[in-house]
Amino acid sequence: MLTSKLTEIMDDKGLTVLALADKAGISTRTVMRARGQMVGRCTLDTLVTVATTLGVGVKDLFEEE
């Protein structure tokens, strides 16, 4: 099972949910989804946008349990 590492990455970069949402041009609700159990509801385009904004690869947003 894949789990989101977005919270960890955001903490490392000192970003809040609001700051990432503003930088990525997405809603705070979408960021919250991507950070938690609802990451499966995010589109690939959204995940690419988040990863690009953070300067990481899409695969870096996840870890396998």
PDB file of N, CA and C in Angstrom:
ATOM      1  N   MET A   1       0.833  -1.178   0.000  1.00  0.00           N
ATOM      2  CA  MET A   1       0.000   0.000   0.000  1.00  0.00           C
ATOM      3  C   MET A   1       0.884   1.249   0.000  1.00  0.00           C
ATOM      4  N   LEU A   2       0.487   2.241  -0.768  1.00  0.00           N
ATOM      5  CA  LEU A   2       1.232   3.495  -0.820  1.00  0.00           C
ATOM      6  C   LEU A   2       0.650   4.497   0.164  1.00  0.00           C
ATOM      7  N   THR A   3       1.530   5.212   0.844  1.00  0.00           N
ATOM      8  CA  THR A   3       1.093   6.283   1.732  1.00  0.00           C
ATOM      9  C   THR A   3       1.782   7.580   1.325  1.00  0.00           C
ATOM     10  N   SER A   4       1.133   8.675   1.623  1.00  0.00           N
ATOM     11  CA  SER A   4       1.641   9.987   1.242  1.00  0.00           C
ATOM     12  C   SER A   4       2.776  10.431   2.161  1.00  0.00           C
ATOM     13  N   LYS A   5       3.815  10.993   1.569  1.00  0.00           N
ATOM     14  CA  LYS A   5       4.915  11.594   2.318  1.00  0.00           C
ATOM     15  C   LYS A   5       4.850  13.116   2.242  1.00  0.00           C
ATOM     16  N   LEU A   6       3.737  13.643   1.752  1.00  0.00           N
ATOM     17  CA  LEU A   6       3.629  15.078   1.518  1.00  0.00           C
ATOM     18  C   LEU A   6       3.802  15.886   2.795  1.00  0.00           C
ATOM     19  N   THR A   7       3.217  15.448   3.897  1.00  0.00           N
ATOM     20  CA  THR A   7       3.358  16.184   5.153  1.00  0.00           C
ATOM     21  C   THR A   7       4.826  16.314   5.535  1.00  0.00           C
ATOM     22  N   GLU A   8       5.562  15.224   5.422  1.00  0.00           N
ATOM     23  CA  GLU A   8       6.993  15.219   5.752  1.00  0.00           C
ATOM     24  C   GLU A   8       7.771  16.175   4.841  1.00  0.00           C
ATOM     25  N   ILE A   9       7.482  16.132   3.556  1.00  0.00           N
ATOM     26  CA  ILE A   9       8.172  17.004   2.598  1.00  0.00           C
ATOM     27  C   ILE A   9       7.848  18.470   2.885  1.00  0.00           C
ATOM     28  N   MET A  10       6.578  18.744   3.155  1.00  0.00           N
ATOM     29  CA  MET A  10       6.177  20.122   3.468  1.00  0.00           C
ATOM     30  C   MET A  10       6.874  20.609   4.734  1.00  0.00           C
ATOM     31  N   ASP A  11       6.949  19.765   5.757  1.00  0.00           N
ATOM     32  CA  ASP A  11       7.638  20.137   6.997  1.00  0.00           C
ATOM     33  C   ASP A  11       9.107  20.441   6.735  1.00  0.00           C
ATOM     34  N   ASP A  12       9.758  19.593   5.932  1.00  0.00           N
ATOM     35  CA  ASP A  12      11.171  19.798   5.600  1.00  0.00           C
ATOM     36  C   ASP A  12      11.402  21.131   4.895  1.00  0.00           C
ATOM     37  N   LYS A  13      10.426  21.556   4.100  1.00  0.00           N
ATOM     38  CA  LYS A  13      10.557  22.794   3.332  1.00  0.00           C
ATOM     39  C   LYS A  13       9.921  23.986   4.042  1.00  0.00           C
ATOM     40  N   GLY A  14       9.365  23.752   5.226  1.00  0.00           N
ATOM     41  CA  GLY A  14       8.766  24.828   6.005  1.00  0.00           C
ATOM     42  C   GLY A  14       7.506  25.412   5.391  1.00  0.00           C
ATOM     43  N   LEU A  15       6.738  24.583   4.706  1.00  0.00           N
ATOM     44  CA  LEU A  15       5.529  25.059   4.037  1.00  0.00           C
ATOM     45  C   LEU A  15       4.270  24.643   4.782  1.00  0.00           C
ATOM     46  N   THR A  16       3.330  25.555   4.869  1.00  0.00           N
ATOM     47  CA  THR A  16       2.015  25.253   5.412  1.00  0.00           C
ATOM     48  C   THR A  16       1.111  24.793   4.277  1.00  0.00           C
ATOM     49  N   VAL A  17      -0.056  24.288   4.653  1.00  0.00           N
ATOM     50  CA  VAL A  17      -1.042  23.884   3.651  1.00  0.00           C
ATOM     51  C   VAL A  17      -1.407  25.080   2.783  1.00  0.00           C
ATOM     52  N   LEU A  18      -1.661  26.217   3.409  1.00  0.00           N
ATOM     53  CA  LEU A  18      -2.042  27.421   2.666  1.00  0.00           C
ATOM     54  C   LEU A  18      -0.923  27.882   1.735  1.00  0.00           C
ATOM     55  N   ALA A  19       0.315  27.847   2.212  1.00  0.00           N
ATOM     56  CA  ALA A  19       1.443  28.289   1.388  1.00  0.00           C
ATOM     57  C   ALA A  19       1.616  27.391   0.163  1.00  0.00           C
ATOM     58  N   LEU A  20       1.529  26.079   0.354  1.00  0.00           N
ATOM     59  CA  LEU A  20       1.669  25.163  -0.785  1.00  0.00           C
ATOM     60  C   LEU A  20       0.516  25.348  -1.762  1.00  0.00           C
ATOM     61  N   ALA A  21      -0.687  25.482  -1.241  1.00  0.00           N
ATOM     62  CA  ALA A  21      -1.851  25.683  -2.112  1.00  0.00           C
ATOM     63  C   ALA A  21      -1.676  26.939  -2.958  1.00  0.00           C
ATOM     64  N   ASP A  22      -1.237  28.024  -2.336  1.00  0.00           N
ATOM     65  CA  ASP A  22      -1.023  29.276  -3.070  1.00  0.00           C
ATOM     66  C   ASP A  22       0.054  29.121  -4.137  1.00  0.00           C
ATOM     67  N   LYS A  23       1.180  28.517  -3.774  1.00  0.00           N
ATOM     68  CA  LYS A  23       2.281  28.344  -4.732  1.00  0.00           C
ATOM     69  C   LYS A  23       1.903  27.435  -5.893  1.00  0.00           C
ATOM     70  N   ALA A  24       1.129  26.383  -5.599  1.00  0.00           N
ATOM     71  CA  ALA A  24       0.769  25.398  -6.623  1.00  0.00           C
ATOM     72  C   ALA A  24      -0.476  25.795  -7.410  1.00  0.00           C
ATOM     73  N   GLY A  25      -1.221  26.776  -6.906  1.00  0.00           N
ATOM     74  CA  GLY A  25      -2.445  27.187  -7.588  1.00  0.00           C
ATOM     75  C   GLY A  25      -3.574  26.174  -7.442  1.00  0.00           C
ATOM     76  N   ILE A  26      -3.604  25.505  -6.295  1.00  0.00           N
ATOM     77  CA  ILE A  26      -4.651  24.524  -6.012  1.00  0.00           C
ATOM     78  C   ILE A  26      -5.319  24.889  -4.694  1.00  0.00           C
ATOM     79  N   SER A  27      -6.417  24.228  -4.392  1.00  0.00           N
ATOM     80  CA  SER A  27      -7.139  24.542  -3.158  1.00  0.00           C
ATOM     81  C   SER A  27      -6.464  23.898  -1.946  1.00  0.00           C
ATOM     82  N   THR A  28      -6.723  24.487  -0.782  1.00  0.00           N
ATOM     83  CA  THR A  28      -6.204  23.894   0.452  1.00  0.00           C
ATOM     84  C   THR A  28      -6.824  22.513   0.674  1.00  0.00           C
ATOM     85  N   ARG A  29      -8.051  22.343   0.255  1.00  0.00           N
ATOM     86  CA  ARG A  29      -8.718  21.042   0.378  1.00  0.00           C
ATOM     87  C   ARG A  29      -7.964  19.970  -0.415  1.00  0.00           C
ATOM     88  N   THR A  30      -7.496  20.327  -1.601  1.00  0.00           N
ATOM     89  CA  THR A  30      -6.736  19.381  -2.421  1.00  0.00           C
ATOM     90  C   THR A  30      -5.419  19.024  -1.745  1.00  0.00           C
ATOM     91  N   VAL A  31      -4.754  20.014  -1.165  1.00  0.00           N
ATOM     92  CA  VAL A  31      -3.507  19.737  -0.441  1.00  0.00           C
ATOM     93  C   VAL A  31      -3.788  18.792   0.723  1.00  0.00           C
ATOM     94  N   MET A  32      -4.864  19.032   1.447  1.00  0.00           N
ATOM     95  CA  MET A  32      -5.213  18.165   2.576  1.00  0.00           C
ATOM     96  C   MET A  32      -5.483  16.731   2.104  1.00  0.00           C
ATOM     97  N   ARG A  33      -6.150  16.591   0.972  1.00  0.00           N
ATOM     98  CA  ARG A  33      -6.392  15.257   0.405  1.00  0.00           C
ATOM     99  C   ARG A  33      -5.065  14.569   0.084  1.00  0.00           C
ATOM    100  N   ALA A  34      -4.164  15.306  -0.542  1.00  0.00           N
ATOM    101  CA  ALA A  34      -2.881  14.740  -0.962  1.00  0.00           C
ATOM    102  C   ALA A  34      -2.005  14.361   0.228  1.00  0.00           C
ATOM    103  N   ARG A  35      -2.240  14.992   1.370  1.00  0.00           N
ATOM    104  CA  ARG A  35      -1.451  14.703   2.573  1.00  0.00           C
ATOM    105  C   ARG A  35      -1.921  13.469   3.321  1.00  0.00           C
ATOM    106  N   GLY A  36      -3.123  13.022   3.050  1.00  0.00           N
ATOM    107  CA  GLY A  36      -3.683  11.963   3.885  1.00  0.00           C
ATOM    108  C   GLY A  36      -4.202  10.762   3.132  1.00  0.00           C
ATOM    109  N   GLN A  37      -5.169  10.123   3.752  1.00  0.00           N
ATOM    110  CA  GLN A  37      -5.743   8.884   3.237  1.00  0.00           C
ATOM    111  C   GLN A  37      -6.472   9.060   1.911  1.00  0.00           C
ATOM    112  N   MET A  38      -6.860  10.280   1.572  1.00  0.00           N
ATOM    113  CA  MET A  38      -7.628  10.520   0.355  1.00  0.00           C
ATOM    114  C   MET A  38      -6.743  10.858  -0.841  1.00  0.00           C
ATOM    115  N   VAL A  39      -5.461  10.576  -0.739  1.00  0.00           N
ATOM    116  CA  VAL A  39      -4.536  10.889  -1.821  1.00  0.00           C
ATOM    117  C   VAL A  39      -4.954  10.201  -3.120  1.00  0.00           C
ATOM    118  N   GLY A  40      -5.627   9.075  -3.025  1.00  0.00           N
ATOM    119  CA  GLY A  40      -6.095   8.362  -4.209  1.00  0.00           C
ATOM    120  C   GLY A  40      -7.121   9.134  -5.016  1.00  0.00           C
ATOM    121  N   ARG A  41      -7.716  10.151  -4.414  1.00  0.00           N
ATOM    122  CA  ARG A  41      -8.693  10.981  -5.118  1.00  0.00           C
ATOM    123  C   ARG A  41      -8.032  12.120  -5.896  1.00  0.00           C
ATOM    124  N   CYS A  42      -6.750  12.289  -5.726  1.00  0.00           N
ATOM    125  CA  CYS A  42      -6.028  13.333  -6.457  1.00  0.00           C
ATOM    126  C   CYS A  42      -5.688  12.824  -7.859  1.00  0.00           C
ATOM    127  N   THR A  43      -5.809  13.701  -8.829  1.00  0.00           N
ATOM    128  CA  THR A  43      -5.445  13.324 -10.193  1.00  0.00           C
ATOM    129  C   THR A  43      -3.926  13.325 -10.343  1.00  0.00           C
ATOM    130  N   LEU A  44      -3.462  12.630 -11.352  1.00  0.00           N
ATOM    131  CA  LEU A  44      -2.032  12.628 -11.632  1.00  0.00           C
ATOM    132  C   LEU A  44      -1.555  14.041 -11.942  1.00  0.00           C
ATOM    133  N   ASP A  45      -2.352  14.809 -12.663  1.00  0.00           N
ATOM    134  CA  ASP A  45      -1.987  16.201 -12.967  1.00  0.00           C
ATOM    135  C   ASP A  45      -1.771  16.999 -11.689  1.00  0.00           C
ATOM    136  N   THR A  46      -2.646  16.802 -10.705  1.00  0.00           N
ATOM    137  CA  THR A  46      -2.509  17.508  -9.432  1.00  0.00           C
ATOM    138  C   THR A  46      -1.230  17.094  -8.726  1.00  0.00           C
ATOM    139  N   LEU A  47      -0.945  15.806  -8.711  1.00  0.00           N
ATOM    140  CA  LEU A  47       0.265  15.324  -8.049  1.00  0.00           C
ATOM    141  C   LEU A  47       1.520  15.833  -8.749  1.00  0.00           C
ATOM    142  N   VAL A  48       1.484  15.920 -10.067  1.00  0.00           N
ATOM    143  CA  VAL A  48       2.615  16.487 -10.817  1.00  0.00           C
ATOM    144  C   VAL A  48       2.797  17.955 -10.440  1.00  0.00           C
ATOM    145  N   THR A  49       1.708  18.695 -10.341  1.00  0.00           N
ATOM    146  CA  THR A  49       1.771  20.107  -9.956  1.00  0.00           C
ATOM    147  C   THR A  49       2.375  20.261  -8.566  1.00  0.00           C
ATOM    148  N   VAL A  50       1.919  19.454  -7.623  1.00  0.00           N
ATOM    149  CA  VAL A  50       2.437  19.513  -6.250  1.00  0.00           C
ATOM    150  C   VAL A  50       3.923  19.171  -6.235  1.00  0.00           C
ATOM    151  N   ALA A  51       4.296  18.094  -6.901  1.00  0.00           N
ATOM    152  CA  ALA A  51       5.697  17.675  -6.926  1.00  0.00           C
ATOM    153  C   ALA A  51       6.586  18.740  -7.564  1.00  0.00           C
ATOM    154  N   THR A  52       6.145  19.303  -8.673  1.00  0.00           N
ATOM    155  CA  THR A  52       6.914  20.348  -9.354  1.00  0.00           C
ATOM    156  C   THR A  52       7.081  21.564  -8.453  1.00  0.00           C
ATOM    157  N   THR A  53       6.017  21.955  -7.791  1.00  0.00           N
ATOM    158  CA  THR A  53       6.068  23.102  -6.879  1.00  0.00           C
ATOM    159  C   THR A  53       7.065  22.860  -5.750  1.00  0.00           C
ATOM    160  N   LEU A  54       7.132  21.626  -5.277  1.00  0.00           N
ATOM    161  CA  LEU A  54       8.038  21.281  -4.181  1.00  0.00           C
ATOM    162  C   LEU A  54       9.455  20.959  -4.653  1.00  0.00           C
ATOM    163  N   GLY A  55       9.638  20.826  -5.960  1.00  0.00           N
ATOM    164  CA  GLY A  55      10.959  20.501  -6.486  1.00  0.00           C
ATOM    165  C   GLY A  55      11.351  19.050  -6.262  1.00  0.00           C
ATOM    166  N   VAL A  56      10.350  18.164  -6.249  1.00  0.00           N
ATOM    167  CA  VAL A  56      10.606  16.732  -6.076  1.00  0.00           C
ATOM    168  C   VAL A  56       9.915  15.967  -7.193  1.00  0.00           C
ATOM    169  N   GLY A  57      10.226  14.702  -7.324  1.00  0.00           N
ATOM    170  CA  GLY A  57       9.543  13.859  -8.292  1.00  0.00           C
ATOM    171  C   GLY A  57       8.228  13.353  -7.719  1.00  0.00           C
ATOM    172  N   VAL A  58       7.303  12.986  -8.581  1.00  0.00           N
ATOM    173  CA  VAL A  58       6.015  12.459  -8.124  1.00  0.00           C
ATOM    174  C   VAL A  58       6.237  11.232  -7.239  1.00  0.00           C
ATOM    175  N   LYS A  59       7.175  10.376  -7.605  1.00  0.00           N
ATOM    176  CA  LYS A  59       7.432   9.162  -6.816  1.00  0.00           C
ATOM    177  C   LYS A  59       7.912   9.491  -5.406  1.00  0.00           C
ATOM    178  N   ASP A  60       8.484  10.681  -5.222  1.00  0.00           N
ATOM    179  CA  ASP A  60       8.958  11.087  -3.897  1.00  0.00           C
ATOM    180  C   ASP A  60       7.816  11.446  -2.953  1.00  0.00           C
ATOM    181  N   LEU A  61       6.620  11.611  -3.494  1.00  0.00           N
ATOM    182  CA  LEU A  61       5.461  11.963  -2.673  1.00  0.00           C
ATOM    183  C   LEU A  61       4.896  10.760  -1.925  1.00  0.00           C
ATOM    184  N   PHE A  62       5.386   9.556  -2.234  1.00  0.00           N
ATOM    185  CA  PHE A  62       4.825   8.330  -1.666  1.00  0.00           C
ATOM    186  C   PHE A  62       5.899   7.425  -1.103  1.00  0.00           C
ATOM    187  N   GLU A  63       5.459   6.552  -0.193  1.00  0.00           N
ATOM    188  CA  GLU A  63       6.301   5.447   0.256  1.00  0.00           C
ATOM    189  C   GLU A  63       5.420   4.213   0.352  1.00  0.00           C
ATOM    190  N   GLU A  64       6.038   3.069   0.171  1.00  0.00           N
ATOM    191  CA  GLU A  64       5.298   1.815   0.225  1.00  0.00           C
ATOM    192  C   GLU A  64       5.364   1.248   1.632  1.00  0.00           C
ATOM    193  N   GLU A  65       4.210   0.860   2.150  1.00  0.00           N
ATOM    194  CA  GLU A  65       4.162   0.265   3.493  1.00  0.00           C
ATOM    195  C   GLU A  65       4.318  -1.231   3.414  1.00  0.00           C
TER     196      GLU A  65
END
